[in-house]
C-alpha atoms as a PDB file:
ATOM      1  CA  MET A   1     -17.116  -5.434  47.179  1.00  0.00           C
ATOM      2  CA  ASN A   2     -19.618  -2.740  46.188  1.00  0.00           C
ATOM      3  CA  LYS A   3     -20.451   0.164  48.435  1.00  0.00           C
ATOM      4  CA  LEU A   4     -24.071   0.937  49.062  1.00  0.00           C
ATOM      5  CA  ASP A   5     -25.383   3.944  47.148  1.00  0.00           C
ATOM      6  CA  SER A   6     -26.033   5.716  50.437  1.00  0.00           C
ATOM      7  CA  ALA A   7     -22.471   5.148  51.716  1.00  0.00           C
ATOM      8  CA  TYR A   8     -19.911   7.923  51.707  1.00  0.00           C
ATOM      9  CA  LYS A   9     -17.597   7.891  48.703  1.00  0.00           C
ATOM     10  CA  THR A  10     -13.969   8.973  48.423  1.00  0.00           C
ATOM     11  CA  ILE A  11     -12.908  11.748  46.073  1.00  0.00           C
ATOM     12  CA  GLY A  12     -11.512   9.157  43.643  1.00  0.00           C
ATOM     13  CA  GLU A  13     -14.816   7.275  43.573  1.00  0.00           C
ATOM     14  CA  VAL A  14     -16.669  10.538  42.962  1.00  0.00           C
ATOM     15  CA  ALA A  15     -14.344  11.381  40.062  1.00  0.00           C
ATOM     16  CA  LYS A  16     -15.261   7.995  38.517  1.00  0.00           C
ATOM     17  CA  ILE A  17     -18.983   8.566  39.136  1.00  0.00           C
ATOM     18  CA  LEU A  18     -18.751  11.972  37.448  1.00  0.00           C
ATOM     19  CA  ASN A  19     -16.812  10.367  34.602  1.00  0.00           C
ATOM     20  CA  LEU A  20     -14.119  13.025  34.759  1.00  0.00           C
ATOM     21  CA  LYS A  21     -11.448  12.403  32.158  1.00  0.00           C
ATOM     22  CA  SER A  22      -8.165  11.104  33.493  1.00  0.00           C
ATOM     23  CA  ASN A  23      -4.848  12.614  32.451  1.00  0.00           C
ATOM     24  CA  ASP A  24      -2.200  10.952  30.277  1.00  0.00           C
ATOM     25  CA  LYS A  25      -0.810   9.019  33.226  1.00  0.00           C
ATOM     26  CA  GLY A  26      -4.246   7.582  34.036  1.00  0.00           C
ATOM     27  CA  ALA A  27      -4.658   9.514  37.290  1.00  0.00           C
ATOM     28  CA  LEU A  28      -8.159  10.664  38.134  1.00  0.00           C
ATOM     29  CA  PRO A  29      -8.618  14.453  38.039  1.00  0.00           C
ATOM     30  CA  THR A  30      -9.590  14.879  41.668  1.00  0.00           C
ATOM     31  CA  HIS A  31      -8.160  18.405  41.520  1.00  0.00           C
ATOM     32  CA  VAL A  32     -11.262  19.438  39.540  1.00  0.00           C
ATOM     33  CA  ILE A  33     -13.517  18.430  42.425  1.00  0.00           C
ATOM     34  CA  ARG A  34     -11.282  20.205  44.947  1.00  0.00           C
ATOM     35  CA  PHE A  35     -11.401  23.352  42.797  1.00  0.00           C
ATOM     36  CA  TRP A  36     -15.195  23.196  42.615  1.00  0.00           C
ATOM     37  CA  GLU A  37     -15.253  22.967  46.422  1.00  0.00           C
ATOM     38  CA  THR A  38     -13.456  26.333  46.571  1.00  0.00           C
ATOM     39  CA  GLN A  39     -15.889  27.907  44.109  1.00  0.00           C
ATOM     40  CA  PHE A  40     -19.239  26.566  45.297  1.00  0.00           C
ATOM     41  CA  LYS A  41     -20.024  26.919  48.992  1.00  0.00           C
ATOM     42  CA  GLN A  42     -22.762  24.291  48.692  1.00  0.00           C
ATOM     43  CA  ILE A  43     -20.188  21.529  48.126  1.00  0.00           C
ATOM     44  CA  LYS A  44     -19.195  20.409  51.617  1.00  0.00           C
ATOM     45  CA  PRO A  45     -17.576  16.998  51.901  1.00  0.00           C
ATOM     46  CA  LYS A  46     -16.864  15.443  55.249  1.00  0.00           C
ATOM     47  CA  ILE A  47     -13.148  15.739  55.926  1.00  0.00           C
ATOM     48  CA  LEU A  48     -11.824  13.005  58.188  1.00  0.00           C
ATOM     49  CA  ASN A  49      -8.563  11.187  58.956  1.00  0.00           C
ATOM     50  CA  SER A  50      -5.671  13.265  57.704  1.00  0.00           C
ATOM     51  CA  ASN A  51      -7.753  15.485  55.403  1.00  0.00           C
ATOM     52  CA  ARG A  52      -9.420  12.681  53.412  1.00  0.00           C
ATOM     53  CA  ARG A  53     -12.628  13.824  51.753  1.00  0.00           C
ATOM     54  CA  TYR A  54     -15.835  11.795  51.872  1.00  0.00           C
ATOM     55  CA  TYR A  55     -18.954  12.679  49.871  1.00  0.00           C
ATOM     56  CA  ASP A  56     -22.542  11.762  50.627  1.00  0.00           C
ATOM     57  CA  GLU A  57     -25.241  11.183  48.010  1.00  0.00           C
ATOM     58  CA  LYS A  58     -26.587  14.746  48.273  1.00  0.00           C
ATOM     59  CA  THR A  59     -23.145  16.248  47.632  1.00  0.00           C
ATOM     60  CA  ILE A  60     -22.506  13.864  44.729  1.00  0.00           C
ATOM     61  CA  ASN A  61     -25.798  14.918  43.135  1.00  0.00           C
ATOM     62  CA  LEU A  62     -24.789  18.554  43.548  1.00  0.00           C
ATOM     63  CA  LEU A  63     -21.448  17.809  41.877  1.00  0.00           C
ATOM     64  CA  LYS A  64     -23.322  16.136  39.008  1.00  0.00           C
ATOM     65  CA  LYS A  65     -25.368  19.328  38.557  1.00  0.00           C
ATOM     66  CA  VAL A  66     -22.252  21.489  38.623  1.00  0.00           C
ATOM     67  CA  LYS A  67     -20.559  19.264  36.038  1.00  0.00           C
ATOM     68  CA  PHE A  68     -23.668  19.259  33.837  1.00  0.00           C
ATOM     69  CA  LEU A  69     -23.922  23.045  33.869  1.00  0.00           C
ATOM     70  CA  LEU A  70     -20.207  23.716  33.404  1.00  0.00           C
ATOM     71  CA  LYS A  71     -19.231  20.979  30.975  1.00  0.00           C
ATOM     72  CA  ASP A  72     -22.424  20.045  29.113  1.00  0.00           C
ATOM     73  CA  GLN A  73     -24.186  23.403  29.063  1.00  0.00           C
ATOM     74  CA  GLY A  74     -21.011  25.508  28.798  1.00  0.00           C
ATOM     75  CA  MET A  75     -21.941  27.876  31.598  1.00  0.00           C
ATOM     76  CA  THR A  76     -19.451  29.993  33.524  1.00  0.00           C
ATOM     77  CA  ILE A  77     -18.666  29.478  37.193  1.00  0.00           C
ATOM     78  CA  ASN A  78     -20.480  32.724  38.040  1.00  0.00           C
ATOM     79  CA  GLY A  79     -23.520  31.578  36.057  1.00  0.00           C
ATOM     80  CA  VAL A  80     -23.612  28.278  37.926  1.00  0.00           C
ATOM     81  CA  LYS A  81     -23.234  30.118  41.257  1.00  0.00           C
ATOM     82  CA  LYS A  82     -26.275  32.251  40.422  1.00  0.00           C
ATOM     83  CA  ILE A  83     -28.328  29.174  39.616  1.00  0.00           C
ATOM     84  CA  LEU A  84     -27.242  27.291  42.734  1.00  0.00           C
ATOM     85  CA  ASN A  85     -27.995  30.312  44.930  1.00  0.00           C
ATOM     86  CA  ASN A  86     -31.418  30.599  43.338  1.00  0.00           C
ATOM     87  CA  GLU A  87     -34.461  28.369  43.673  1.00  0.00           C
ATOM     88  CA  ALA A  88     -34.033  27.514  40.005  1.00  0.00           C
ATOM     89  CA  SER A  89     -31.501  24.900  41.080  1.00  0.00           C
ATOM     90  CA  LEU A  90     -34.440  22.677  41.969  1.00  0.00           C
ATOM     91  CA  LYS A  91     -35.275  22.563  38.269  1.00  0.00           C
ATOM     92  CA  LEU A  92     -31.808  21.366  37.227  1.00  0.00           C
ATOM     93  CA  ASP A  93     -32.808  17.719  37.329  1.00  0.00           C
ATOM     94  CA  GLU A  94     -35.675  18.543  35.016  1.00  0.00           C
ATOM     95  CA  ILE A  95     -33.316  20.363  32.617  1.00  0.00           C
ATOM     96  CA  ALA A  96     -30.890  17.428  32.598  1.00  0.00           C
ATOM     97  CA  ASP A  97     -33.712  14.947  32.012  1.00  0.00           C
ATOM     98  CA  LYS A  98     -35.053  17.001  29.105  1.00  0.00           C
ATOM     99  CA  SER A  99     -31.572  17.252  27.615  1.00  0.00           C
ATOM    100  CA  ILE A 100     -31.124  13.488  27.796  1.00  0.00           C
ATOM    101  CA  ARG A 101     -34.601  12.863  26.375  1.00  0.00           C
ATOM    102  CA  THR A 102     -33.915  15.276  23.514  1.00  0.00           C
ATOM    103  CA  GLU A 103     -30.672  13.474  22.670  1.00  0.00           C
ATOM    104  CA  ASN A 104     -32.443  10.091  22.775  1.00  0.00           C
ATOM    105  CA  LEU A 105     -35.168  11.438  20.478  1.00  0.00           C
ATOM    106  CA  LYS A 106     -32.556  12.694  17.998  1.00  0.00           C
ATOM    107  CA  ILE A 107     -30.946   9.257  17.936  1.00  0.00           C
ATOM    108  CA  LYS A 108     -34.297   7.530  17.370  1.00  0.00           C
ATOM    109  CA  LEU A 109     -35.244   9.958  14.580  1.00  0.00           C
ATOM    110  CA  LYS A 110     -31.899   9.342  12.881  1.00  0.00           C
ATOM    111  CA  LYS A 111     -32.482   5.578  13.029  1.00  0.00           C
ATOM    112  CA  ILE A 112     -35.979   5.983  11.561  1.00  0.00           C
ATOM    113  CA  SER A 113     -34.634   8.249   8.826  1.00  0.00           C
ATOM    114  CA  ASP A 114     -31.899   5.747   7.974  1.00  0.00           C
ATOM    115  CA  LYS A 115     -34.428   2.904   7.918  1.00  0.00           C
ATOM    116  CA  LEU A 116     -36.703   4.873   5.560  1.00  0.00           C
ATOM    117  CA  LYS A 117     -33.764   5.563   3.248  1.00  0.00           C
ATOM    118  CA  ASP A 118     -32.883   1.861   3.245  1.00  0.00           C
ATOM    119  CA  LEU A 119     -36.488   0.911   2.425  1.00  0.00           C
ATOM    120  CA  LYS A 120     -36.660   3.530  -0.334  1.00  0.00           C
ATOM    121  CA  ASN A 121     -33.371   2.365  -1.837  1.00  0.00           C
ATOM    122  CA  GLY A 122     -34.459  -1.279  -1.526  1.00  0.00           C
ATOM    123  CA  LYS A 123     -37.644  -0.602  -3.475  1.00  0.00           C
ATOM    124  CA  LYS A 124     -35.687   1.175  -6.209  1.00  0.00           C
ATOM    125  CA  ASN A 125     -33.328  -1.775  -6.528  1.00  0.00           C
ATOM    126  CA  THR A 126     -36.185  -4.322  -6.925  1.00  0.00           C
ATOM    127  CA  ARG A 127     -37.774  -2.542  -9.917  1.00  0.00           C
END
Protein backbone atom coordinates (compact mmCIF):
# COMPACT_ATOMS: atom_id res chain seq x y z
CA MET A 1 0.00 0.00 0.00
CA ASN A 2 1.58 3.27 -1.14
CA LYS A 3 1.06 6.51 0.70
CA LEU A 4 0.03 9.53 -1.27
CA ASP A 5 2.83 12.03 -1.88
CA SER A 6 0.92 14.61 0.13
CA ALA A 7 0.49 12.29 3.14
CA TYR A 8 2.60 12.69 6.25
CA LYS A 9 5.62 10.39 6.37
CA THR A 10 7.34 8.81 9.36
CA ILE A 11 10.97 9.52 10.16
CA GLY A 12 11.95 6.10 8.77
CA GLU A 13 10.17 6.80 5.48
CA VAL A 14 11.91 10.18 5.26
CA ALA A 15 15.30 8.54 5.84
CA LYS A 16 14.55 6.25 2.86
CA ILE A 17 13.39 9.18 0.72
CA LEU A 18 16.61 11.05 1.53
CA ASN A 19 18.57 7.90 0.76
CA LEU A 20 20.53 8.16 4.00
CA LYS A 21 23.00 5.32 4.33
CA SER A 22 22.07 2.66 6.84
CA ASN A 23 24.55 1.38 9.40
CA ASP A 24 26.13 -2.09 9.47
CA LYS A 25 23.07 -3.58 11.15
CA GLY A 26 20.78 -2.23 8.42
CA ALA A 27 19.05 0.31 10.66
CA LEU A 28 18.07 3.59 9.05
CA PRO A 29 20.01 6.60 10.35
CA THR A 30 17.04 8.51 11.70
CA HIS A 31 19.37 10.12 14.24
CA VAL A 32 20.73 12.30 11.41
CA ILE A 33 17.28 13.77 10.81
CA ARG A 34 16.73 14.33 14.53
CA PHE A 35 20.10 16.11 14.74
CA TRP A 36 19.19 18.35 11.80
CA GLU A 37 15.96 19.24 13.62
CA THR A 38 18.07 20.59 16.51
CA GLN A 39 20.27 22.61 14.16
CA PHE A 40 17.75 24.07 11.73
CA LYS A 41 14.73 25.82 13.22
CA GLN A 42 12.90 25.56 9.89
CA ILE A 43 12.57 21.78 10.25
CA LYS A 44 9.40 21.28 12.28
CA PRO A 45 7.79 17.85 12.10
CA LYS A 46 4.44 17.17 13.65
CA ILE A 47 4.99 15.22 16.85
CA LEU A 48 2.06 13.01 17.77
CA ASN A 49 1.32 9.83 19.74
CA SER A 50 4.16 9.17 22.14
CA ASN A 51 6.66 11.48 20.41
CA ARG A 52 6.39 9.96 16.92
CA ARG A 53 7.51 12.38 14.22
CA TYR A 54 5.54 12.96 11.04
CA TYR A 55 6.83 15.04 8.11
CA ASP A 56 4.82 16.85 5.47
CA GLU A 57 5.95 17.43 1.89
CA LYS A 58 7.26 20.94 2.63
CA THR A 59 9.45 19.68 5.48
CA ILE A 60 10.72 16.76 3.39
CA ASN A 61 11.73 19.18 0.63
CA LEU A 62 13.56 21.30 3.20
CA LEU A 63 15.38 18.19 4.45
CA LYS A 64 16.35 17.39 0.85
CA LYS A 65 17.87 20.88 0.54
CA VAL A 66 19.74 20.50 3.82
CA LYS A 67 21.11 17.11 2.73
CA PHE A 68 22.10 18.48 -0.69
CA LEU A 69 24.00 21.40 0.83
CA LEU A 70 25.67 19.41 3.61
CA LYS A 71 26.46 16.16 1.85
CA ASP A 72 26.67 17.00 -1.87
CA GLN A 73 28.02 20.54 -1.68
CA GLY A 74 30.15 19.98 1.44
CA MET A 75 28.88 23.05 3.26
CA THR A 76 29.06 23.53 7.02
CA ILE A 77 26.00 23.64 9.26
CA ASN A 78 26.55 27.38 9.82
CA GLY A 79 26.79 27.93 6.06
CA VAL A 80 23.52 26.10 5.49
CA LYS A 81 21.87 28.09 8.30
CA LYS A 82 22.89 31.34 6.60
CA ILE A 83 21.41 30.19 3.31
CA LEU A 84 18.17 28.97 4.88
CA ASN A 85 17.77 32.23 6.81
CA ASN A 86 18.34 34.18 3.61
CA GLU A 87 16.13 34.58 0.56
CA ALA A 88 18.77 32.70 -1.40
CA SER A 89 17.17 29.49 -0.16
CA LEU A 90 14.53 29.97 -2.84
CA LYS A 91 17.27 29.42 -5.41
CA LEU A 92 18.37 26.08 -3.95
CA ASP A 93 16.13 24.09 -6.25
CA GLU A 94 17.71 25.88 -9.17
CA ILE A 95 21.21 25.06 -7.88
CA ALA A 96 20.31 21.39 -7.42
CA ASP A 97 18.76 21.21 -10.89
CA LYS A 98 21.86 22.77 -12.46
CA SER A 99 24.09 20.35 -10.57
CA ILE A 100 22.09 17.38 -11.83
CA ARG A 101 22.03 18.75 -15.38
CA THR A 102 25.79 19.29 -15.29
CA GLU A 103 26.36 15.71 -14.15
CA ASN A 104 24.05 14.40 -16.90
CA LEU A 105 25.93 16.48 -19.48
CA LYS A 106 29.27 15.07 -18.29
CA ILE A 107 27.93 11.54 -18.68
CA LYS A 108 26.63 12.26 -22.19
CA LEU A 109 29.93 13.87 -23.24
CA LYS A 110 31.84 10.85 -21.95
CA LYS A 111 29.60 8.52 -23.97
CA ILE A 112 30.11 10.63 -27.11
CA SER A 113 33.87 10.69 -26.53
CA ASP A 114 33.95 6.92 -26.08
CA LYS A 115 31.86 6.44 -29.23
CA LEU A 116 34.22 8.67 -31.23
CA LYS A 117 37.22 6.69 -29.97
CA ASP A 118 35.50 3.44 -30.98
CA LEU A 119 34.75 4.81 -34.46
CA LYS A 120 38.32 6.08 -34.85
CA ASN A 121 39.77 2.75 -33.74
CA GLY A 122 37.33 0.88 -35.99
CA LYS A 123 38.46 2.86 -39.03
CA LYS A 124 42.11 2.17 -38.22
CA ASN A 125 41.43 -1.55 -37.97
CA THR A 126 39.69 -1.70 -41.40
CA ARG A 127 42.65 -0.20 -43.32
